[in-house]
Amino acid sequence: MLTLGSHEGPVWQVSWAHPKFGTILASASYDARVIVWRDSSTSPNQSQWSKLFEHTLHTSSVNGIAWAPHELGALLACASSDGKVSILEFKDDGTWDTKVFNAHGMGVNAVSWAPSVIPGSLVSTQAHFTGNVKKVATGGCDNLVKIWAFEYSTFLGGKTNRVALSEIPGLRRRHYKDIQIGYVMLPMRHRWGCQKHTLPRPLRYSI
């Protein structure tokens, strides 16, 4: 058994990155940190784990993490009790890019990426848009699930090219630095209150 110990509080979640990026593991903790670990060993019988990156921009417990589909790159979404979601991107040159946005004012408990392909495109014979889908869902202490659509700026001939976010019904547009963020809220039928730094027991509910 191998132990990785750098957190100063309970670890809520661990998540493996896709193997195309190497042997990489992320951990989220009550200590408001996300640590990304990497095993640089080339032998299956040995391990050489080291800390690849430490994310410290959140001010409260980080309750959930999720790696994006590998087609989108090495992207890690982090959900925190400070009400924010951060997106970490591990670039080819070994550097990290971090974006943070407000998601749920009372705290964020869960985060999950949508599949990167358009539904039905894998089995359909019809032509589809070839771009990747970049959407993430979050769940918060405000009894809401929000679905966010991200579109990073690309530069063609010196001009900024953005894909419109109007394809999501009921979309509310927000702008944060160089990311366009939109979301549609899904109301829940249950009512549950929770405070920052605390996690409610799992509930079964329907939408």
N, C-alpha and C. Protein backbone atom coordinates (compact mmCIF):
# COMPACT_ATOMS: atom_id res chain seq x y z
N MET A 1 0.84 -1.20 0.00
CA MET A 1 0.00 0.00 0.00
C MET A 1 0.87 1.24 0.00
N LEU A 2 0.48 2.24 -0.78
CA LEU A 2 1.21 3.51 -0.87
C LEU A 2 0.31 4.64 -0.34
N THR A 3 0.87 5.50 0.46
CA THR A 3 0.11 6.61 1.03
C THR A 3 0.65 7.93 0.52
N LEU A 4 -0.26 8.79 0.03
CA LEU A 4 0.09 10.15 -0.39
C LEU A 4 -0.48 11.10 0.66
N GLY A 5 0.37 11.77 1.37
CA GLY A 5 -0.11 12.62 2.47
C GLY A 5 0.41 14.04 2.39
N SER A 6 -0.46 14.96 1.98
CA SER A 6 -0.13 16.38 1.99
C SER A 6 -1.31 17.24 2.43
N HIS A 7 -2.50 16.65 2.44
CA HIS A 7 -3.68 17.41 2.85
C HIS A 7 -3.70 17.60 4.36
N GLU A 8 -4.38 18.67 4.78
CA GLU A 8 -4.50 18.99 6.20
C GLU A 8 -5.94 18.87 6.69
N GLY A 9 -6.74 18.15 5.96
CA GLY A 9 -8.14 17.94 6.33
C GLY A 9 -8.65 16.72 5.61
N PRO A 10 -9.90 16.32 5.90
CA PRO A 10 -10.47 15.15 5.23
C PRO A 10 -10.45 15.29 3.71
N VAL A 11 -10.17 14.20 3.04
CA VAL A 11 -10.17 14.17 1.57
C VAL A 11 -11.54 13.67 1.12
N TRP A 12 -12.25 14.51 0.38
CA TRP A 12 -13.62 14.18 -0.03
C TRP A 12 -13.68 13.33 -1.29
N GLN A 13 -12.74 13.55 -2.20
CA GLN A 13 -12.84 12.83 -3.47
C GLN A 13 -11.47 12.71 -4.12
N VAL A 14 -11.26 11.60 -4.83
CA VAL A 14 -10.07 11.41 -5.67
C VAL A 14 -10.55 11.02 -7.06
N SER A 15 -9.76 11.38 -8.08
CA SER A 15 -10.19 11.12 -9.44
C SER A 15 -8.97 10.93 -10.34
N TRP A 16 -8.99 9.86 -11.16
CA TRP A 16 -7.91 9.58 -12.10
C TRP A 16 -8.12 10.33 -13.40
N ALA A 17 -7.05 10.85 -13.96
CA ALA A 17 -7.10 11.45 -15.30
C ALA A 17 -7.03 10.34 -16.34
N HIS A 18 -7.39 10.68 -17.56
CA HIS A 18 -7.31 9.70 -18.65
C HIS A 18 -5.85 9.27 -18.83
N PRO A 19 -5.59 7.98 -19.11
CA PRO A 19 -4.21 7.50 -19.23
C PRO A 19 -3.41 8.14 -20.36
N LYS A 20 -4.07 8.77 -21.33
CA LYS A 20 -3.31 9.43 -22.39
C LYS A 20 -2.44 10.56 -21.84
N PHE A 21 -2.78 11.08 -20.65
CA PHE A 21 -2.01 12.16 -20.04
C PHE A 21 -0.97 11.64 -19.04
N GLY A 22 -0.89 10.32 -18.91
CA GLY A 22 0.01 9.73 -17.93
C GLY A 22 -0.76 9.21 -16.73
N THR A 23 -0.03 8.76 -15.71
CA THR A 23 -0.66 8.28 -14.49
C THR A 23 -0.83 9.46 -13.54
N ILE A 24 -1.99 10.08 -13.59
CA ILE A 24 -2.25 11.31 -12.85
C ILE A 24 -3.50 11.13 -11.99
N LEU A 25 -3.40 11.54 -10.75
CA LEU A 25 -4.49 11.43 -9.78
C LEU A 25 -4.70 12.78 -9.10
N ALA A 26 -5.95 13.19 -8.98
CA ALA A 26 -6.28 14.45 -8.30
C ALA A 26 -7.05 14.14 -7.02
N SER A 27 -6.82 14.94 -5.99
CA SER A 27 -7.52 14.78 -4.71
C SER A 27 -8.07 16.12 -4.25
N ALA A 28 -9.29 16.10 -3.71
CA ALA A 28 -9.96 17.30 -3.22
C ALA A 28 -10.20 17.16 -1.73
N SER A 29 -10.01 18.25 -0.98
CA SER A 29 -10.04 18.15 0.48
C SER A 29 -10.78 19.30 1.14
N TYR A 30 -11.15 19.04 2.38
CA TYR A 30 -11.74 20.06 3.26
C TYR A 30 -10.79 21.22 3.50
N ASP A 31 -9.50 21.01 3.30
CA ASP A 31 -8.50 22.07 3.55
C ASP A 31 -8.47 23.12 2.45
N ALA A 32 -9.46 23.08 1.54
CA ALA A 32 -9.62 24.06 0.46
C ALA A 32 -8.58 23.90 -0.64
N ARG A 33 -7.92 22.75 -0.69
CA ARG A 33 -6.90 22.54 -1.70
C ARG A 33 -7.25 21.35 -2.59
N VAL A 34 -6.77 21.44 -3.82
CA VAL A 34 -6.79 20.32 -4.75
C VAL A 34 -5.33 20.02 -5.10
N ILE A 35 -4.94 18.78 -4.94
CA ILE A 35 -3.58 18.37 -5.25
C ILE A 35 -3.62 17.39 -6.42
N VAL A 36 -2.79 17.65 -7.41
CA VAL A 36 -2.66 16.76 -8.56
C VAL A 36 -1.34 16.01 -8.43
N TRP A 37 -1.43 14.69 -8.43
CA TRP A 37 -0.26 13.83 -8.26
C TRP A 37 0.05 13.11 -9.56
N ARG A 38 1.36 12.79 -9.74
CA ARG A 38 1.74 12.04 -10.94
C ARG A 38 2.73 10.93 -10.58
N ASP A 39 2.52 9.77 -11.16
CA ASP A 39 3.44 8.66 -11.00
C ASP A 39 4.33 8.63 -12.25
N SER A 40 5.59 8.93 -12.07
CA SER A 40 6.52 9.00 -13.21
C SER A 40 7.24 7.69 -13.47
N SER A 41 6.90 6.64 -12.74
CA SER A 41 7.55 5.35 -12.93
C SER A 41 7.10 4.72 -14.25
N THR A 42 8.02 4.04 -14.90
CA THR A 42 7.71 3.35 -16.16
C THR A 42 7.49 1.86 -15.95
N SER A 43 7.61 1.40 -14.70
CA SER A 43 7.43 -0.01 -14.40
C SER A 43 6.12 -0.20 -13.65
N PRO A 44 5.31 -1.20 -14.02
CA PRO A 44 4.03 -1.43 -13.31
C PRO A 44 4.24 -1.94 -11.89
N ASN A 45 5.45 -2.38 -11.57
CA ASN A 45 5.74 -2.92 -10.25
C ASN A 45 6.36 -1.90 -9.31
N GLN A 46 6.56 -0.68 -9.79
CA GLN A 46 7.16 0.37 -8.98
C GLN A 46 6.33 1.65 -9.08
N SER A 47 6.49 2.51 -8.11
CA SER A 47 5.76 3.78 -8.10
C SER A 47 6.71 4.90 -7.70
N GLN A 48 6.61 6.00 -8.42
CA GLN A 48 7.39 7.20 -8.11
C GLN A 48 6.44 8.41 -8.13
N TRP A 49 5.62 8.50 -7.08
CA TRP A 49 4.62 9.55 -7.03
C TRP A 49 5.24 10.87 -6.57
N SER A 50 4.79 11.95 -7.18
CA SER A 50 5.22 13.29 -6.79
C SER A 50 4.07 14.26 -6.99
N LYS A 51 4.14 15.39 -6.32
CA LYS A 51 3.10 16.41 -6.44
C LYS A 51 3.33 17.20 -7.73
N LEU A 52 2.37 17.13 -8.63
CA LEU A 52 2.48 17.80 -9.92
C LEU A 52 2.01 19.25 -9.83
N PHE A 53 0.92 19.47 -9.06
CA PHE A 53 0.36 20.81 -8.95
C PHE A 53 -0.50 20.89 -7.70
N GLU A 54 -0.50 22.06 -7.05
CA GLU A 54 -1.34 22.29 -5.89
C GLU A 54 -2.20 23.52 -6.14
N HIS A 55 -3.49 23.32 -6.14
CA HIS A 55 -4.47 24.38 -6.44
C HIS A 55 -4.97 24.97 -5.12
N THR A 56 -4.72 26.25 -4.90
CA THR A 56 -5.02 26.86 -3.60
C THR A 56 -5.87 28.12 -3.72
N LEU A 57 -6.58 28.29 -4.82
CA LEU A 57 -7.35 29.52 -5.01
C LEU A 57 -8.70 29.52 -4.29
N HIS A 58 -9.18 28.36 -3.86
CA HIS A 58 -10.44 28.33 -3.14
C HIS A 58 -10.23 28.69 -1.67
N THR A 59 -11.28 29.23 -1.06
CA THR A 59 -11.19 29.68 0.33
C THR A 59 -11.97 28.80 1.30
N SER A 60 -12.66 27.79 0.78
CA SER A 60 -13.40 26.85 1.62
C SER A 60 -13.23 25.45 1.05
N SER A 61 -13.81 24.49 1.74
CA SER A 61 -13.69 23.09 1.36
C SER A 61 -13.96 22.85 -0.13
N VAL A 62 -13.10 22.05 -0.75
CA VAL A 62 -13.34 21.62 -2.13
C VAL A 62 -14.02 20.27 -2.06
N ASN A 63 -15.30 20.23 -2.45
CA ASN A 63 -16.14 19.07 -2.20
C ASN A 63 -16.17 18.05 -3.33
N GLY A 64 -15.85 18.49 -4.54
CA GLY A 64 -15.92 17.57 -5.67
C GLY A 64 -14.98 17.98 -6.78
N ILE A 65 -14.48 16.99 -7.52
CA ILE A 65 -13.63 17.24 -8.67
C ILE A 65 -14.03 16.29 -9.79
N ALA A 66 -13.74 16.68 -11.04
CA ALA A 66 -14.06 15.82 -12.18
C ALA A 66 -13.15 16.18 -13.35
N TRP A 67 -12.53 15.16 -13.93
CA TRP A 67 -11.75 15.36 -15.15
C TRP A 67 -12.67 15.40 -16.35
N ALA A 68 -12.37 16.27 -17.29
CA ALA A 68 -13.17 16.38 -18.51
C ALA A 68 -12.89 15.19 -19.42
N PRO A 69 -13.78 14.92 -20.37
CA PRO A 69 -13.48 13.91 -21.38
C PRO A 69 -12.14 14.22 -22.05
N HIS A 70 -11.36 13.19 -22.32
CA HIS A 70 -9.99 13.42 -22.78
C HIS A 70 -9.91 14.19 -24.10
N GLU A 71 -11.00 14.16 -24.89
CA GLU A 71 -10.99 14.90 -26.15
C GLU A 71 -10.85 16.41 -25.93
N LEU A 72 -11.23 16.88 -24.75
CA LEU A 72 -11.16 18.31 -24.43
C LEU A 72 -9.80 18.71 -23.88
N GLY A 73 -8.95 17.75 -23.58
CA GLY A 73 -7.66 18.05 -22.98
C GLY A 73 -7.66 17.70 -21.50
N ALA A 74 -6.55 17.99 -20.84
CA ALA A 74 -6.41 17.69 -19.41
C ALA A 74 -7.05 18.81 -18.60
N LEU A 75 -8.37 18.77 -18.48
CA LEU A 75 -9.14 19.79 -17.76
C LEU A 75 -9.74 19.18 -16.51
N LEU A 76 -9.58 19.86 -15.39
CA LEU A 76 -10.12 19.38 -14.12
C LEU A 76 -11.04 20.45 -13.54
N ALA A 77 -12.29 20.07 -13.28
CA ALA A 77 -13.26 20.98 -12.66
C ALA A 77 -13.31 20.72 -11.16
N CYS A 78 -13.37 21.81 -10.36
CA CYS A 78 -13.35 21.71 -8.91
C CYS A 78 -14.52 22.49 -8.34
N ALA A 79 -15.28 21.87 -7.43
CA ALA A 79 -16.45 22.49 -6.82
C ALA A 79 -16.17 22.76 -5.34
N SER A 80 -16.44 23.99 -4.91
CA SER A 80 -16.05 24.38 -3.55
C SER A 80 -17.20 24.99 -2.76
N SER A 81 -17.09 24.88 -1.43
CA SER A 81 -18.07 25.49 -0.53
C SER A 81 -18.02 27.01 -0.56
N ASP A 82 -17.01 27.60 -1.17
CA ASP A 82 -16.96 29.07 -1.28
C ASP A 82 -17.89 29.58 -2.38
N GLY A 83 -18.65 28.67 -3.01
CA GLY A 83 -19.61 29.06 -4.03
C GLY A 83 -19.05 29.13 -5.42
N LYS A 84 -17.79 28.75 -5.59
CA LYS A 84 -17.13 28.89 -6.89
C LYS A 84 -16.74 27.54 -7.47
N VAL A 85 -16.60 27.55 -8.78
CA VAL A 85 -16.06 26.41 -9.52
C VAL A 85 -14.81 26.87 -10.24
N SER A 86 -13.77 26.07 -10.19
CA SER A 86 -12.55 26.40 -10.90
C SER A 86 -12.27 25.33 -11.95
N ILE A 87 -11.65 25.76 -13.04
CA ILE A 87 -11.27 24.86 -14.11
C ILE A 87 -9.75 24.93 -14.26
N LEU A 88 -9.10 23.80 -14.04
CA LEU A 88 -7.64 23.72 -14.19
C LEU A 88 -7.32 23.06 -15.52
N GLU A 89 -6.37 23.64 -16.26
CA GLU A 89 -5.96 23.08 -17.54
C GLU A 89 -4.46 22.82 -17.52
N PHE A 90 -4.08 21.56 -17.71
CA PHE A 90 -2.68 21.16 -17.78
C PHE A 90 -2.24 21.23 -19.23
N LYS A 91 -1.36 22.17 -19.55
CA LYS A 91 -0.96 22.41 -20.92
C LYS A 91 0.23 21.55 -21.32
N ASP A 92 0.46 21.50 -22.64
CA ASP A 92 1.52 20.66 -23.17
C ASP A 92 2.91 21.10 -22.71
N ASP A 93 3.07 22.38 -22.40
CA ASP A 93 4.38 22.87 -21.98
C ASP A 93 4.63 22.67 -20.49
N GLY A 94 3.71 21.97 -19.81
CA GLY A 94 3.90 21.68 -18.39
C GLY A 94 3.35 22.74 -17.45
N THR A 95 2.76 23.81 -17.97
CA THR A 95 2.19 24.86 -17.14
C THR A 95 0.71 24.60 -16.91
N TRP A 96 0.15 25.31 -15.91
CA TRP A 96 -1.26 25.18 -15.59
C TRP A 96 -1.96 26.51 -15.78
N ASP A 97 -3.16 26.46 -16.32
CA ASP A 97 -4.00 27.65 -16.46
C ASP A 97 -5.24 27.43 -15.60
N THR A 98 -5.63 28.46 -14.84
CA THR A 98 -6.74 28.32 -13.91
C THR A 98 -7.77 29.41 -14.15
N LYS A 99 -9.03 29.01 -14.24
CA LYS A 99 -10.15 29.94 -14.35
C LYS A 99 -11.13 29.65 -13.22
N VAL A 100 -11.66 30.68 -12.57
CA VAL A 100 -12.59 30.53 -11.46
C VAL A 100 -13.83 31.37 -11.73
N PHE A 101 -15.01 30.83 -11.46
CA PHE A 101 -16.24 31.61 -11.64
C PHE A 101 -17.23 31.26 -10.54
N ASN A 102 -18.12 32.20 -10.25
CA ASN A 102 -19.16 32.00 -9.24
C ASN A 102 -20.24 31.08 -9.80
N ALA A 103 -20.63 30.08 -9.01
CA ALA A 103 -21.62 29.12 -9.48
C ALA A 103 -22.85 29.05 -8.59
N HIS A 104 -22.68 28.80 -7.30
CA HIS A 104 -23.79 28.70 -6.34
C HIS A 104 -23.38 29.49 -5.10
N GLY A 105 -24.15 30.52 -4.78
CA GLY A 105 -23.77 31.41 -3.69
C GLY A 105 -23.65 30.73 -2.34
N MET A 106 -24.42 29.67 -2.11
CA MET A 106 -24.41 28.98 -0.82
C MET A 106 -23.40 27.83 -0.77
N GLY A 107 -22.69 27.61 -1.85
CA GLY A 107 -21.70 26.54 -1.88
C GLY A 107 -21.99 25.54 -2.98
N VAL A 108 -20.93 24.92 -3.52
CA VAL A 108 -21.05 23.93 -4.59
C VAL A 108 -20.63 22.57 -4.04
N ASN A 109 -21.47 21.57 -4.22
CA ASN A 109 -21.21 20.24 -3.68
C ASN A 109 -20.79 19.22 -4.72
N ALA A 110 -21.14 19.45 -5.99
CA ALA A 110 -20.88 18.43 -7.00
C ALA A 110 -20.61 19.07 -8.35
N VAL A 111 -19.83 18.37 -9.17
CA VAL A 111 -19.52 18.84 -10.52
C VAL A 111 -19.32 17.63 -11.42
N SER A 112 -19.79 17.73 -12.68
CA SER A 112 -19.66 16.63 -13.62
C SER A 112 -19.65 17.18 -15.04
N TRP A 113 -18.76 16.64 -15.88
CA TRP A 113 -18.67 17.05 -17.28
C TRP A 113 -19.66 16.28 -18.13
N ALA A 114 -20.16 16.92 -19.17
CA ALA A 114 -20.99 16.25 -20.15
C ALA A 114 -20.08 15.52 -21.14
N PRO A 115 -20.60 14.47 -21.81
CA PRO A 115 -19.81 13.84 -22.88
C PRO A 115 -19.40 14.89 -23.92
N SER A 116 -18.25 14.68 -24.52
CA SER A 116 -17.72 15.70 -25.44
C SER A 116 -18.29 15.59 -26.84
N VAL A 117 -19.09 14.56 -27.11
CA VAL A 117 -19.67 14.38 -28.44
C VAL A 117 -21.14 14.70 -28.41
N ILE A 118 -21.68 15.06 -29.55
CA ILE A 118 -23.10 15.36 -29.66
C ILE A 118 -23.90 14.08 -29.51
N PRO A 119 -24.97 14.07 -28.69
CA PRO A 119 -25.76 12.86 -28.52
C PRO A 119 -26.24 12.29 -29.84
N GLY A 120 -26.03 11.00 -30.03
CA GLY A 120 -26.47 10.32 -31.25
C GLY A 120 -25.47 10.35 -32.38
N SER A 121 -24.41 11.15 -32.26
CA SER A 121 -23.47 11.31 -33.37
C SER A 121 -22.63 10.06 -33.61
N LEU A 122 -22.46 9.21 -32.59
CA LEU A 122 -21.63 8.02 -32.75
C LEU A 122 -22.33 6.92 -33.54
N VAL A 123 -23.65 6.95 -33.58
CA VAL A 123 -24.39 5.90 -34.28
C VAL A 123 -25.14 6.43 -35.50
N SER A 124 -25.17 7.74 -35.67
CA SER A 124 -25.91 8.33 -36.78
C SER A 124 -25.06 8.37 -38.05
N THR A 125 -25.70 8.21 -39.20
CA THR A 125 -25.01 8.31 -40.48
C THR A 125 -25.05 9.72 -41.04
N GLN A 126 -25.75 10.62 -40.36
CA GLN A 126 -25.87 11.99 -40.82
C GLN A 126 -24.63 12.80 -40.41
N ALA A 127 -24.36 13.84 -41.16
CA ALA A 127 -23.23 14.71 -40.86
C ALA A 127 -23.54 15.54 -39.63
N HIS A 128 -22.55 15.70 -38.76
CA HIS A 128 -22.73 16.48 -37.55
C HIS A 128 -21.63 17.53 -37.44
N PHE A 129 -21.90 18.53 -36.63
CA PHE A 129 -20.88 19.50 -36.28
C PHE A 129 -19.71 18.77 -35.61
N THR A 130 -18.49 19.03 -36.08
CA THR A 130 -17.34 18.26 -35.63
C THR A 130 -16.69 18.80 -34.37
N GLY A 131 -17.14 19.93 -33.88
CA GLY A 131 -16.54 20.50 -32.68
C GLY A 131 -16.93 19.71 -31.44
N ASN A 132 -16.11 19.83 -30.38
CA ASN A 132 -16.38 19.15 -29.13
C ASN A 132 -17.33 19.95 -28.26
N VAL A 133 -18.17 19.23 -27.51
CA VAL A 133 -19.10 19.86 -26.58
C VAL A 133 -18.37 20.13 -25.27
N LYS A 134 -18.48 21.36 -24.76
CA LYS A 134 -17.84 21.73 -23.50
C LYS A 134 -18.92 22.21 -22.54
N LYS A 135 -19.44 21.27 -21.77
CA LYS A 135 -20.49 21.61 -20.80
C LYS A 135 -20.19 20.88 -19.49
N VAL A 136 -20.58 21.54 -18.39
CA VAL A 136 -20.39 20.94 -17.07
C VAL A 136 -21.63 21.24 -16.24
N ALA A 137 -22.01 20.28 -15.41
CA ALA A 137 -23.15 20.45 -14.51
C ALA A 137 -22.65 20.59 -13.09
N THR A 138 -23.30 21.46 -12.32
CA THR A 138 -22.93 21.66 -10.91
C THR A 138 -24.18 21.55 -10.04
N GLY A 139 -23.98 21.10 -8.81
CA GLY A 139 -25.06 21.03 -7.84
C GLY A 139 -24.66 21.78 -6.58
N GLY A 140 -25.58 22.58 -6.03
CA GLY A 140 -25.22 23.43 -4.90
C GLY A 140 -26.18 23.35 -3.73
N CYS A 141 -25.83 24.07 -2.67
CA CYS A 141 -26.65 24.13 -1.47
C CYS A 141 -27.89 24.99 -1.68
N ASP A 142 -28.05 25.60 -2.84
CA ASP A 142 -29.23 26.40 -3.15
C ASP A 142 -30.34 25.56 -3.76
N ASN A 143 -30.21 24.21 -3.67
CA ASN A 143 -31.21 23.28 -4.21
C ASN A 143 -31.32 23.32 -5.72
N LEU A 144 -30.25 23.74 -6.40
CA LEU A 144 -30.28 23.87 -7.85
C LEU A 144 -29.20 23.02 -8.51
N VAL A 145 -29.52 22.55 -9.71
CA VAL A 145 -28.53 22.01 -10.63
C VAL A 145 -28.39 23.00 -11.76
N LYS A 146 -27.16 23.38 -12.08
CA LYS A 146 -26.92 24.32 -13.17
C LYS A 146 -26.05 23.65 -14.24
N ILE A 147 -26.39 23.88 -15.48
CA ILE A 147 -25.62 23.36 -16.60
C ILE A 147 -24.93 24.52 -17.30
N TRP A 148 -23.62 24.46 -17.35
CA TRP A 148 -22.81 25.55 -17.87
C TRP A 148 -22.19 25.17 -19.21
N ALA A 149 -22.20 26.12 -20.14
CA ALA A 149 -21.57 25.90 -21.44
C ALA A 149 -20.36 26.83 -21.55
N PHE A 150 -19.21 26.26 -21.85
CA PHE A 150 -17.97 27.03 -21.94
C PHE A 150 -17.55 27.15 -23.39
N GLU A 151 -17.01 28.30 -23.72
CA GLU A 151 -16.43 28.46 -25.05
C GLU A 151 -15.22 29.35 -24.93
N TYR A 152 -14.04 28.78 -25.15
CA TYR A 152 -12.80 29.54 -25.09
C TYR A 152 -12.60 30.30 -26.39
N SER A 153 -11.99 31.47 -26.27
CA SER A 153 -11.73 32.30 -27.44
C SER A 153 -10.65 31.66 -28.31
N THR A 154 -10.85 31.74 -29.62
CA THR A 154 -9.81 31.36 -30.57
C THR A 154 -9.59 32.53 -31.50
N PHE A 155 -8.40 32.68 -32.03
CA PHE A 155 -8.07 33.84 -32.83
C PHE A 155 -7.80 33.41 -34.27
N LEU A 156 -8.60 33.95 -35.17
CA LEU A 156 -8.45 33.67 -36.58
C LEU A 156 -8.24 34.98 -37.32
N GLY A 157 -7.03 35.16 -37.86
CA GLY A 157 -6.75 36.40 -38.57
C GLY A 157 -6.81 37.63 -37.69
N GLY A 158 -6.48 37.45 -36.41
CA GLY A 158 -6.47 38.58 -35.49
C GLY A 158 -7.83 38.89 -34.90
N LYS A 159 -8.87 38.12 -35.28
CA LYS A 159 -10.21 38.37 -34.77
C LYS A 159 -10.62 37.25 -33.81
N THR A 160 -11.41 37.64 -32.82
CA THR A 160 -11.87 36.67 -31.85
C THR A 160 -13.09 35.92 -32.40
N ASN A 161 -13.04 34.60 -32.35
CA ASN A 161 -14.13 33.78 -32.83
C ASN A 161 -14.77 33.05 -31.67
N ARG A 162 -16.08 33.26 -31.44
CA ARG A 162 -16.79 32.60 -30.35
C ARG A 162 -18.01 31.88 -30.90
N VAL A 163 -18.28 30.71 -30.36
CA VAL A 163 -19.49 29.98 -30.73
C VAL A 163 -20.64 30.48 -29.87
N ALA A 164 -21.78 30.76 -30.49
CA ALA A 164 -22.92 31.28 -29.74
C ALA A 164 -23.42 30.27 -28.74
N LEU A 165 -23.93 30.76 -27.61
CA LEU A 165 -24.43 29.90 -26.56
C LEU A 165 -25.94 29.76 -26.59
N SER A 166 -26.57 30.24 -27.62
CA SER A 166 -28.03 30.25 -27.67
C SER A 166 -28.63 28.87 -27.89
N GLU A 167 -27.79 27.86 -28.16
CA GLU A 167 -28.32 26.52 -28.41
C GLU A 167 -28.87 25.89 -27.14
N ILE A 168 -28.57 26.43 -25.97
CA ILE A 168 -29.09 25.90 -24.71
C ILE A 168 -30.37 26.66 -24.36
N PRO A 169 -31.52 25.99 -24.30
CA PRO A 169 -32.78 26.69 -24.00
C PRO A 169 -32.73 27.39 -22.64
N GLY A 170 -33.26 28.59 -22.60
CA GLY A 170 -33.33 29.33 -21.35
C GLY A 170 -31.99 29.79 -20.84
N LEU A 171 -31.02 29.92 -21.75
CA LEU A 171 -29.66 30.25 -21.33
C LEU A 171 -29.55 31.68 -20.83
N ARG A 172 -28.83 31.84 -19.72
CA ARG A 172 -28.48 33.16 -19.22
C ARG A 172 -27.00 33.37 -19.49
N ARG A 173 -26.66 34.46 -20.11
CA ARG A 173 -25.27 34.69 -20.48
C ARG A 173 -24.53 35.47 -19.41
N ARG A 174 -23.30 35.02 -19.18
CA ARG A 174 -22.39 35.74 -18.29
C ARG A 174 -21.03 35.78 -18.96
N HIS A 175 -20.23 36.75 -18.58
CA HIS A 175 -18.88 36.85 -19.12
C HIS A 175 -17.89 36.88 -17.96
N TYR A 176 -16.87 36.04 -18.05
CA TYR A 176 -15.83 36.05 -17.02
C TYR A 176 -14.48 35.96 -17.70
N LYS A 177 -13.75 37.08 -17.68
CA LYS A 177 -12.44 37.16 -18.33
C LYS A 177 -12.60 36.70 -19.78
N ASP A 178 -11.84 35.67 -20.20
CA ASP A 178 -11.89 35.25 -21.60
C ASP A 178 -12.76 34.02 -21.79
N ILE A 179 -13.66 33.74 -20.84
CA ILE A 179 -14.57 32.61 -20.98
C ILE A 179 -15.99 33.14 -21.07
N GLN A 180 -16.76 32.60 -21.98
CA GLN A 180 -18.19 32.85 -21.98
C GLN A 180 -18.84 31.71 -21.21
N ILE A 181 -19.67 32.07 -20.25
CA ILE A 181 -20.31 31.07 -19.41
C ILE A 181 -21.81 31.27 -19.45
N GLY A 182 -22.52 30.21 -19.73
CA GLY A 182 -23.98 30.28 -19.72
C GLY A 182 -24.53 29.12 -18.94
N TYR A 183 -25.71 29.27 -18.39
CA TYR A 183 -26.28 28.17 -17.64
C TYR A 183 -27.80 28.18 -17.71
N VAL A 184 -28.37 27.01 -17.51
CA VAL A 184 -29.81 26.87 -17.35
C VAL A 184 -30.02 26.15 -16.03
N MET A 185 -30.95 26.65 -15.20
CA MET A 185 -31.16 26.09 -13.87
C MET A 185 -32.28 25.06 -13.90
N LEU A 186 -32.06 23.95 -13.21
CA LEU A 186 -33.05 22.90 -13.09
C LEU A 186 -33.56 22.87 -11.66
N PRO A 187 -34.81 23.26 -11.40
CA PRO A 187 -35.32 23.28 -10.03
C PRO A 187 -35.54 21.88 -9.49
N MET A 188 -35.29 21.70 -8.19
CA MET A 188 -35.51 20.43 -7.53
C MET A 188 -36.85 20.42 -6.80
N ARG A 189 -37.37 19.25 -6.56
CA ARG A 189 -38.64 19.12 -5.85
C ARG A 189 -38.46 19.05 -4.34
N HIS A 190 -37.20 18.88 -3.90
CA HIS A 190 -36.98 18.80 -2.47
C HIS A 190 -36.37 20.09 -1.97
N ARG A 191 -36.44 20.30 -0.70
CA ARG A 191 -35.84 21.47 -0.07
C ARG A 191 -34.86 20.99 0.98
N TRP A 192 -33.67 21.49 0.88
CA TRP A 192 -32.63 21.04 1.80
C TRP A 192 -31.67 22.19 2.05
N GLY A 193 -31.41 22.46 3.31
CA GLY A 193 -30.48 23.54 3.63
C GLY A 193 -29.16 22.97 4.11
N CYS A 194 -28.06 23.57 3.69
CA CYS A 194 -26.74 23.15 4.17
C CYS A 194 -25.86 24.38 4.29
N GLN A 195 -24.91 24.32 5.16
CA GLN A 195 -24.02 25.43 5.43
C GLN A 195 -22.67 25.16 4.82
N LYS A 196 -21.90 26.20 4.64
CA LYS A 196 -20.56 26.05 4.11
C LYS A 196 -19.73 25.19 5.04
N HIS A 197 -18.84 24.45 4.46
CA HIS A 197 -17.93 23.54 5.15
C HIS A 197 -18.63 22.27 5.63
N THR A 198 -19.92 22.11 5.35
CA THR A 198 -20.60 20.89 5.77
C THR A 198 -21.19 20.21 4.57
N LEU A 199 -21.30 18.89 4.63
CA LEU A 199 -21.86 18.12 3.54
C LEU A 199 -23.11 17.40 4.03
N PRO A 200 -24.25 17.57 3.37
CA PRO A 200 -25.45 16.85 3.78
C PRO A 200 -25.35 15.38 3.43
N ARG A 201 -26.11 14.57 4.13
CA ARG A 201 -26.17 13.16 3.79
C ARG A 201 -26.86 13.01 2.44
N PRO A 202 -26.47 11.99 1.64
CA PRO A 202 -27.09 11.81 0.32
C PRO A 202 -28.60 11.64 0.42
N LEU A 203 -29.29 12.28 -0.50
CA LEU A 203 -30.75 12.17 -0.56
C LEU A 203 -31.16 11.58 -1.90
N ARG A 204 -32.26 10.89 -1.92
CA ARG A 204 -32.83 10.41 -3.17
C ARG A 204 -33.98 11.34 -3.54
N TYR A 205 -33.93 11.83 -4.78
CA TYR A 205 -34.96 12.76 -5.21
C TYR A 205 -35.14 12.64 -6.71
N SER A 206 -36.20 13.25 -7.19
CA SER A 206 -36.47 13.25 -8.62
C SER A 206 -36.62 14.67 -9.10
N ILE A 207 -36.42 14.87 -10.37
CA ILE A 207 -36.54 16.21 -10.96
C ILE A 207 -37.87 16.30 -11.70
